[in-house]
Structure formats: C-alpha cells, structure tokens
Amino acid sequence: MLCEIESFKLMHKQLVQDCLGLYVAIFQGKLVDHDNDPVVLLQRIKQQYPDQVVLRRKVEKQPGPIVRKM
C-alpha cells in the first residue's frame, strides 16, 4: 500500500488535470481505473484485482493525508 500511496502522490498533478473529482484506482504504481461513483469503482476493482491491494482515492486539488486502518 505504501508504494501505491507514493505513486498517487507522484501522479497527483497529472491526476488533477485528467481526473479531478473522480475516484481513481492505483495498482502497482499505475492508474488502472477511475469512476465518478466510488461503489461502482470498488466493484470493478474487486472483479479485476481479487485479493490484491489497490489504492482507491478521490482526486482533489490538494492531495491531503491518506488515512489507513491499522
């Protein structure tokens, strides 16, 4: 997950240009999907990447903190 978070930070400027306001999915350092509905995105991610760690995050102008469950 830490790699995906770092990838999100590195891609943030481009994500703001291309996907502002959308929910994105980052897997293995790459943008793999996006949607305006987080539930629909989650459903696709669960189908395409079962049992994998995929970062899902809304793209906002400021990257903000990423909170993780411990």
PDB file of N, CA and C in Angstrom:
ATOM      1  N   MET A   1       0.826  -1.196   0.000  1.00  0.00           N
ATOM      2  CA  MET A   1       0.000   0.000   0.000  1.00  0.00           C
ATOM      3  C   MET A   1       0.867   1.255   0.000  1.00  0.00           C
ATOM      4  N   LEU A   2       2.002   1.199   0.696  1.00  0.00           N
ATOM      5  CA  LEU A   2       2.855   2.390   0.734  1.00  0.00           C
ATOM      6  C   LEU A   2       3.347   2.772  -0.659  1.00  0.00           C
ATOM      7  N   CYS A   3       3.625   1.798  -1.495  1.00  0.00           N
ATOM      8  CA  CYS A   3       4.051   2.076  -2.872  1.00  0.00           C
ATOM      9  C   CYS A   3       2.923   2.748  -3.650  1.00  0.00           C
ATOM     10  N   GLU A   4       1.697   2.297  -3.424  1.00  0.00           N
ATOM     11  CA  GLU A   4       0.554   2.876  -4.138  1.00  0.00           C
ATOM     12  C   GLU A   4       0.303   4.313  -3.678  1.00  0.00           C
ATOM     13  N   ILE A   5       0.476   4.545  -2.391  1.00  0.00           N
ATOM     14  CA  ILE A   5       0.310   5.904  -1.860  1.00  0.00           C
ATOM     15  C   ILE A   5       1.371   6.829  -2.461  1.00  0.00           C
ATOM     16  N   GLU A   6       2.599   6.369  -2.515  1.00  0.00           N
ATOM     17  CA  GLU A   6       3.676   7.175  -3.098  1.00  0.00           C
ATOM     18  C   GLU A   6       3.411   7.443  -4.584  1.00  0.00           C
ATOM     19  N   SER A   7       2.914   6.442  -5.288  1.00  0.00           N
ATOM     20  CA  SER A   7       2.584   6.607  -6.704  1.00  0.00           C
ATOM     21  C   SER A   7       1.495   7.653  -6.883  1.00  0.00           C
ATOM     22  N   PHE A   8       0.482   7.608  -6.022  1.00  0.00           N
ATOM     23  CA  PHE A   8      -0.594   8.604  -6.077  1.00  0.00           C
ATOM     24  C   PHE A   8      -0.025  10.006  -5.907  1.00  0.00           C
ATOM     25  N   LYS A   9       0.860  10.170  -4.935  1.00  0.00           N
ATOM     26  CA  LYS A   9       1.471  11.481  -4.696  1.00  0.00           C
ATOM     27  C   LYS A   9       2.260  11.946  -5.922  1.00  0.00           C
ATOM     28  N   LEU A  10       3.033  11.037  -6.513  1.00  0.00           N
ATOM     29  CA  LEU A  10       3.844  11.394  -7.675  1.00  0.00           C
ATOM     30  C   LEU A  10       2.981  11.737  -8.890  1.00  0.00           C
ATOM     31  N   MET A  11       1.844  11.071  -9.026  1.00  0.00           N
ATOM     32  CA  MET A  11       0.954  11.285 -10.173  1.00  0.00           C
ATOM     33  C   MET A  11      -0.076  12.385  -9.932  1.00  0.00           C
ATOM     34  N   HIS A  12      -0.103  12.930  -8.722  1.00  0.00           N
ATOM     35  CA  HIS A  12      -1.196  13.832  -8.342  1.00  0.00           C
ATOM     36  C   HIS A  12      -1.404  14.986  -9.318  1.00  0.00           C
ATOM     37  N   LYS A  13      -0.360  15.645  -9.722  1.00  0.00           N
ATOM     38  CA  LYS A  13      -0.504  16.799 -10.623  1.00  0.00           C
ATOM     39  C   LYS A  13      -1.213  16.386 -11.912  1.00  0.00           C
ATOM     40  N   GLN A  14      -0.807  15.279 -12.496  1.00  0.00           N
ATOM     41  CA  GLN A  14      -1.437  14.790 -13.734  1.00  0.00           C
ATOM     42  C   GLN A  14      -2.859  14.311 -13.464  1.00  0.00           C
ATOM     43  N   LEU A  15      -3.073  13.671 -12.331  1.00  0.00           N
ATOM     44  CA  LEU A  15      -4.420  13.205 -11.981  1.00  0.00           C
ATOM     45  C   LEU A  15      -5.388  14.382 -11.841  1.00  0.00           C
ATOM     46  N   VAL A  16      -4.918  15.479 -11.270  1.00  0.00           N
ATOM     47  CA  VAL A  16      -5.767  16.668 -11.137  1.00  0.00           C
ATOM     48  C   VAL A  16      -6.173  17.168 -12.521  1.00  0.00           C
ATOM     49  N   GLN A  17      -5.254  17.144 -13.461  1.00  0.00           N
ATOM     50  CA  GLN A  17      -5.564  17.601 -14.821  1.00  0.00           C
ATOM     51  C   GLN A  17      -6.556  16.671 -15.515  1.00  0.00           C
ATOM     52  N   ASP A  18      -6.400  15.355 -15.308  1.00  0.00           N
ATOM     53  CA  ASP A  18      -7.183  14.376 -16.058  1.00  0.00           C
ATOM     54  C   ASP A  18      -8.412  13.841 -15.328  1.00  0.00           C
ATOM     55  N   CYS A  19      -8.369  13.816 -14.002  1.00  0.00           N
ATOM     56  CA  CYS A  19      -9.403  13.081 -13.244  1.00  0.00           C
ATOM     57  C   CYS A  19      -9.934  13.852 -12.030  1.00  0.00           C
ATOM     58  N   LEU A  20      -9.846  15.170 -12.029  1.00  0.00           N
ATOM     59  CA  LEU A  20     -10.286  15.952 -10.884  1.00  0.00           C
ATOM     60  C   LEU A  20     -11.741  15.623 -10.545  1.00  0.00           C
ATOM     61  N   GLY A  21     -11.984  15.289  -9.285  1.00  0.00           N
ATOM     62  CA  GLY A  21     -13.330  14.975  -8.816  1.00  0.00           C
ATOM     63  C   GLY A  21     -13.730  13.518  -8.987  1.00  0.00           C
ATOM     64  N   LEU A  22     -12.905  12.747  -9.673  1.00  0.00           N
ATOM     65  CA  LEU A  22     -13.201  11.327  -9.871  1.00  0.00           C
ATOM     66  C   LEU A  22     -12.482  10.482  -8.829  1.00  0.00           C
ATOM     67  N   TYR A  23     -12.948   9.272  -8.660  1.00  0.00           N
ATOM     68  CA  TYR A  23     -12.274   8.291  -7.818  1.00  0.00           C
ATOM     69  C   TYR A  23     -11.363   7.471  -8.718  1.00  0.00           C
ATOM     70  N   VAL A  24     -10.128   7.304  -8.288  1.00  0.00           N
ATOM     71  CA  VAL A  24      -9.152   6.572  -9.093  1.00  0.00           C
ATOM     72  C   VAL A  24      -8.683   5.326  -8.348  1.00  0.00           C
ATOM     73  N   ALA A  25      -8.178   4.377  -9.119  1.00  0.00           N
ATOM     74  CA  ALA A  25      -7.600   3.159  -8.564  1.00  0.00           C
ATOM     75  C   ALA A  25      -6.158   3.078  -9.035  1.00  0.00           C
ATOM     76  N   ILE A  26      -5.246   2.901  -8.078  1.00  0.00           N
ATOM     77  CA  ILE A  26      -3.820   2.803  -8.365  1.00  0.00           C
ATOM     78  C   ILE A  26      -3.369   1.397  -7.968  1.00  0.00           C
ATOM     79  N   PHE A  27      -2.734   0.694  -8.916  1.00  0.00           N
ATOM     80  CA  PHE A  27      -2.246  -0.658  -8.667  1.00  0.00           C
ATOM     81  C   PHE A  27      -0.869  -0.808  -9.300  1.00  0.00           C
ATOM     82  N   GLN A  28       0.068  -1.272  -8.523  1.00  0.00           N
ATOM     83  CA  GLN A  28       1.449  -1.453  -8.967  1.00  0.00           C
ATOM     84  C   GLN A  28       2.004  -0.186  -9.620  1.00  0.00           C
ATOM     85  N   GLY A  29       1.689   0.945  -8.994  1.00  0.00           N
ATOM     86  CA  GLY A  29       2.227   2.227  -9.432  1.00  0.00           C
ATOM     87  C   GLY A  29       1.569   2.841 -10.646  1.00  0.00           C
ATOM     88  N   LYS A  30       0.448   2.261 -11.102  1.00  0.00           N
ATOM     89  CA  LYS A  30      -0.209   2.764 -12.309  1.00  0.00           C
ATOM     90  C   LYS A  30      -1.687   3.031 -12.059  1.00  0.00           C
ATOM     91  N   LEU A  31      -2.207   4.023 -12.753  1.00  0.00           N
ATOM     92  CA  LEU A  31      -3.640   4.282 -12.749  1.00  0.00           C
ATOM     93  C   LEU A  31      -4.306   3.176 -13.562  1.00  0.00           C
ATOM     94  N   VAL A  32      -5.169   2.392 -12.910  1.00  0.00           N
ATOM     95  CA  VAL A  32      -5.777   1.263 -13.605  1.00  0.00           C
ATOM     96  C   VAL A  32      -7.265   1.447 -13.880  1.00  0.00           C
ATOM     97  N   ASP A  33      -7.909   2.412 -13.202  1.00  0.00           N
ATOM     98  CA  ASP A  33      -9.337   2.627 -13.418  1.00  0.00           C
ATOM     99  C   ASP A  33      -9.736   3.929 -12.748  1.00  0.00           C
ATOM    100  N   HIS A  34     -10.894   4.445 -13.142  1.00  0.00           N
ATOM    101  CA  HIS A  34     -11.458   5.636 -12.489  1.00  0.00           C
ATOM    102  C   HIS A  34     -12.954   5.666 -12.734  1.00  0.00           C
ATOM    103  N   ASP A  35     -13.669   6.373 -11.848  1.00  0.00           N
ATOM    104  CA  ASP A  35     -15.121   6.465 -11.968  1.00  0.00           C
ATOM    105  C   ASP A  35     -15.590   7.616 -11.091  1.00  0.00           C
ATOM    106  N   ASN A  36     -16.775   8.139 -11.383  1.00  0.00           N
ATOM    107  CA  ASN A  36     -17.325   9.175 -10.510  1.00  0.00           C
ATOM    108  C   ASN A  36     -18.087   8.567  -9.336  1.00  0.00           C
ATOM    109  N   ASP A  37     -18.318   7.257  -9.367  1.00  0.00           N
ATOM    110  CA  ASP A  37     -19.018   6.558  -8.301  1.00  0.00           C
ATOM    111  C   ASP A  37     -18.044   5.598  -7.609  1.00  0.00           C
ATOM    112  N   PRO A  38     -17.734   5.847  -6.324  1.00  0.00           N
ATOM    113  CA  PRO A  38     -16.753   5.001  -5.646  1.00  0.00           C
ATOM    114  C   PRO A  38     -17.214   3.546  -5.485  1.00  0.00           C
ATOM    115  N   VAL A  39     -18.507   3.326  -5.374  1.00  0.00           N
ATOM    116  CA  VAL A  39     -19.017   1.958  -5.209  1.00  0.00           C
ATOM    117  C   VAL A  39     -18.857   1.172  -6.504  1.00  0.00           C
ATOM    118  N   VAL A  40     -19.169   1.799  -7.622  1.00  0.00           N
ATOM    119  CA  VAL A  40     -19.012   1.146  -8.926  1.00  0.00           C
ATOM    120  C   VAL A  40     -17.542   0.828  -9.170  1.00  0.00           C
ATOM    121  N   LEU A  41     -16.665   1.776  -8.837  1.00  0.00           N
ATOM    122  CA  LEU A  41     -15.228   1.550  -8.990  1.00  0.00           C
ATOM    123  C   LEU A  41     -14.782   0.370  -8.123  1.00  0.00           C
ATOM    124  N   LEU A  42     -15.219   0.330  -6.882  1.00  0.00           N
ATOM    125  CA  LEU A  42     -14.848  -0.764  -5.991  1.00  0.00           C
ATOM    126  C   LEU A  42     -15.307  -2.109  -6.542  1.00  0.00           C
ATOM    127  N   GLN A  43     -16.494  -2.169  -7.088  1.00  0.00           N
ATOM    128  CA  GLN A  43     -16.999  -3.420  -7.657  1.00  0.00           C
ATOM    129  C   GLN A  43     -16.104  -3.904  -8.801  1.00  0.00           C
ATOM    130  N   ARG A  44     -15.723  -2.997  -9.680  1.00  0.00           N
ATOM    131  CA  ARG A  44     -14.837  -3.386 -10.788  1.00  0.00           C
ATOM    132  C   ARG A  44     -13.478  -3.831 -10.279  1.00  0.00           C
ATOM    133  N   ILE A  45     -12.941  -3.099  -9.304  1.00  0.00           N
ATOM    134  CA  ILE A  45     -11.627  -3.420  -8.763  1.00  0.00           C
ATOM    135  C   ILE A  45     -11.643  -4.804  -8.115  1.00  0.00           C
ATOM    136  N   LYS A  46     -12.699  -5.108  -7.379  1.00  0.00           N
ATOM    137  CA  LYS A  46     -12.800  -6.430  -6.749  1.00  0.00           C
ATOM    138  C   LYS A  46     -12.837  -7.542  -7.794  1.00  0.00           C
ATOM    139  N   GLN A  47     -13.465  -7.277  -8.939  1.00  0.00           N
ATOM    140  CA  GLN A  47     -13.528  -8.278 -10.007  1.00  0.00           C
ATOM    141  C   GLN A  47     -12.196  -8.412 -10.733  1.00  0.00           C
ATOM    142  N   GLN A  48     -11.568  -7.283 -11.037  1.00  0.00           N
ATOM    143  CA  GLN A  48     -10.355  -7.288 -11.844  1.00  0.00           C
ATOM    144  C   GLN A  48      -9.096  -7.627 -11.047  1.00  0.00           C
ATOM    145  N   TYR A  49      -9.096  -7.295  -9.751  1.00  0.00           N
ATOM    146  CA  TYR A  49      -7.909  -7.475  -8.922  1.00  0.00           C
ATOM    147  C   TYR A  49      -8.273  -8.170  -7.605  1.00  0.00           C
ATOM    148  N   PRO A  50      -8.834  -9.365  -7.676  1.00  0.00           N
ATOM    149  CA  PRO A  50      -9.233 -10.047  -6.440  1.00  0.00           C
ATOM    150  C   PRO A  50      -8.020 -10.318  -5.548  1.00  0.00           C
ATOM    151  N   ASP A  51      -8.221 -10.089  -4.269  1.00  0.00           N
ATOM    152  CA  ASP A  51      -7.184 -10.361  -3.256  1.00  0.00           C
ATOM    153  C   ASP A  51      -5.907  -9.550  -3.457  1.00  0.00           C
ATOM    154  N   GLN A  52      -6.002  -8.416  -4.143  1.00  0.00           N
ATOM    155  CA  GLN A  52      -4.856  -7.527  -4.350  1.00  0.00           C
ATOM    156  C   GLN A  52      -5.081  -6.223  -3.589  1.00  0.00           C
ATOM    157  N   VAL A  53      -4.005  -5.551  -3.262  1.00  0.00           N
ATOM    158  CA  VAL A  53      -4.091  -4.247  -2.611  1.00  0.00           C
ATOM    159  C   VAL A  53      -4.125  -3.181  -3.701  1.00  0.00           C
ATOM    160  N   VAL A  54      -5.247  -2.472  -3.783  1.00  0.00           N
ATOM    161  CA  VAL A  54      -5.430  -1.418  -4.769  1.00  0.00           C
ATOM    162  C   VAL A  54      -5.844  -0.156  -4.016  1.00  0.00           C
ATOM    163  N   LEU A  55      -5.121   0.922  -4.243  1.00  0.00           N
ATOM    164  CA  LEU A  55      -5.463   2.198  -3.620  1.00  0.00           C
ATOM    165  C   LEU A  55      -6.608   2.825  -4.387  1.00  0.00           C
ATOM    166  N   ARG A  56      -7.662   3.185  -3.675  1.00  0.00           N
ATOM    167  CA  ARG A  56      -8.778   3.912  -4.278  1.00  0.00           C
ATOM    168  C   ARG A  56      -8.875   5.243  -3.562  1.00  0.00           C
ATOM    169  N   ARG A  57      -8.942   6.299  -4.342  1.00  0.00           N
ATOM    170  CA  ARG A  57      -8.878   7.630  -3.749  1.00  0.00           C
ATOM    171  C   ARG A  57      -9.559   8.635  -4.664  1.00  0.00           C
ATOM    172  N   LYS A  58     -10.249   9.611  -4.070  1.00  0.00           N
ATOM    173  CA  LYS A  58     -10.840  10.703  -4.842  1.00  0.00           C
ATOM    174  C   LYS A  58      -9.743  11.717  -5.152  1.00  0.00           C
ATOM    175  N   VAL A  59      -9.720  12.181  -6.382  1.00  0.00           N
ATOM    176  CA  VAL A  59      -8.722  13.171  -6.794  1.00  0.00           C
ATOM    177  C   VAL A  59      -9.264  14.560  -6.473  1.00  0.00           C
ATOM    178  N   GLU A  60      -8.546  15.251  -5.618  1.00  0.00           N
ATOM    179  CA  GLU A  60      -8.892  16.621  -5.245  1.00  0.00           C
ATOM    180  C   GLU A  60      -7.698  17.509  -5.540  1.00  0.00           C
ATOM    181  N   LYS A  61      -7.915  18.828  -5.541  1.00  0.00           N
ATOM    182  CA  LYS A  61      -6.823  19.745  -5.886  1.00  0.00           C
ATOM    183  C   LYS A  61      -5.617  19.573  -4.967  1.00  0.00           C
ATOM    184  N   GLN A  62      -5.864  19.350  -3.694  1.00  0.00           N
ATOM    185  CA  GLN A  62      -4.788  19.093  -2.742  1.00  0.00           C
ATOM    186  C   GLN A  62      -4.783  17.611  -2.417  1.00  0.00           C
ATOM    187  N   PRO A  63      -3.616  16.965  -2.421  1.00  0.00           N
ATOM    188  CA  PRO A  63      -3.584  15.526  -2.194  1.00  0.00           C
ATOM    189  C   PRO A  63      -4.086  15.109  -0.816  1.00  0.00           C
ATOM    190  N   GLY A  64      -3.881  15.927   0.204  1.00  0.00           N
ATOM    191  CA  GLY A  64      -4.378  15.619   1.537  1.00  0.00           C
ATOM    192  C   GLY A  64      -3.781  14.355   2.116  1.00  0.00           C
ATOM    193  N   PRO A  65      -4.037  14.133   3.398  1.00  0.00           N
ATOM    194  CA  PRO A  65      -3.493  12.934   4.053  1.00  0.00           C
ATOM    195  C   PRO A  65      -4.269  11.688   3.631  1.00  0.00           C
ATOM    196  N   ILE A  66      -3.581  10.582   3.611  1.00  0.00           N
ATOM    197  CA  ILE A  66      -4.213   9.298   3.342  1.00  0.00           C
ATOM    198  C   ILE A  66      -4.267   8.550   4.663  1.00  0.00           C
ATOM    199  N   VAL A  67      -5.467   8.245   5.104  1.00  0.00           N
ATOM    200  CA  VAL A  67      -5.649   7.571   6.386  1.00  0.00           C
ATOM    201  C   VAL A  67      -5.797   6.083   6.142  1.00  0.00           C
ATOM    202  N   ARG A  68      -5.077   5.300   6.919  1.00  0.00           N
ATOM    203  CA  ARG A  68      -5.137   3.852   6.778  1.00  0.00           C
ATOM    204  C   ARG A  68      -5.672   3.244   8.063  1.00  0.00           C
ATOM    205  N   LYS A  69      -6.391   2.139   7.924  1.00  0.00           N
ATOM    206  CA  LYS A  69      -6.819   1.376   9.108  1.00  0.00           C
ATOM    207  C   LYS A  69      -5.639   0.563   9.585  1.00  0.00           C
ATOM    208  N   MET A  70      -5.495   0.445  10.861  1.00  0.00           N
ATOM    209  CA  MET A  70      -4.411  -0.358  11.448  1.00  0.00           C
ATOM    210  C   MET A  70      -4.971  -1.658  11.955  1.00  0.00           C
TER     211      MET A  70
END
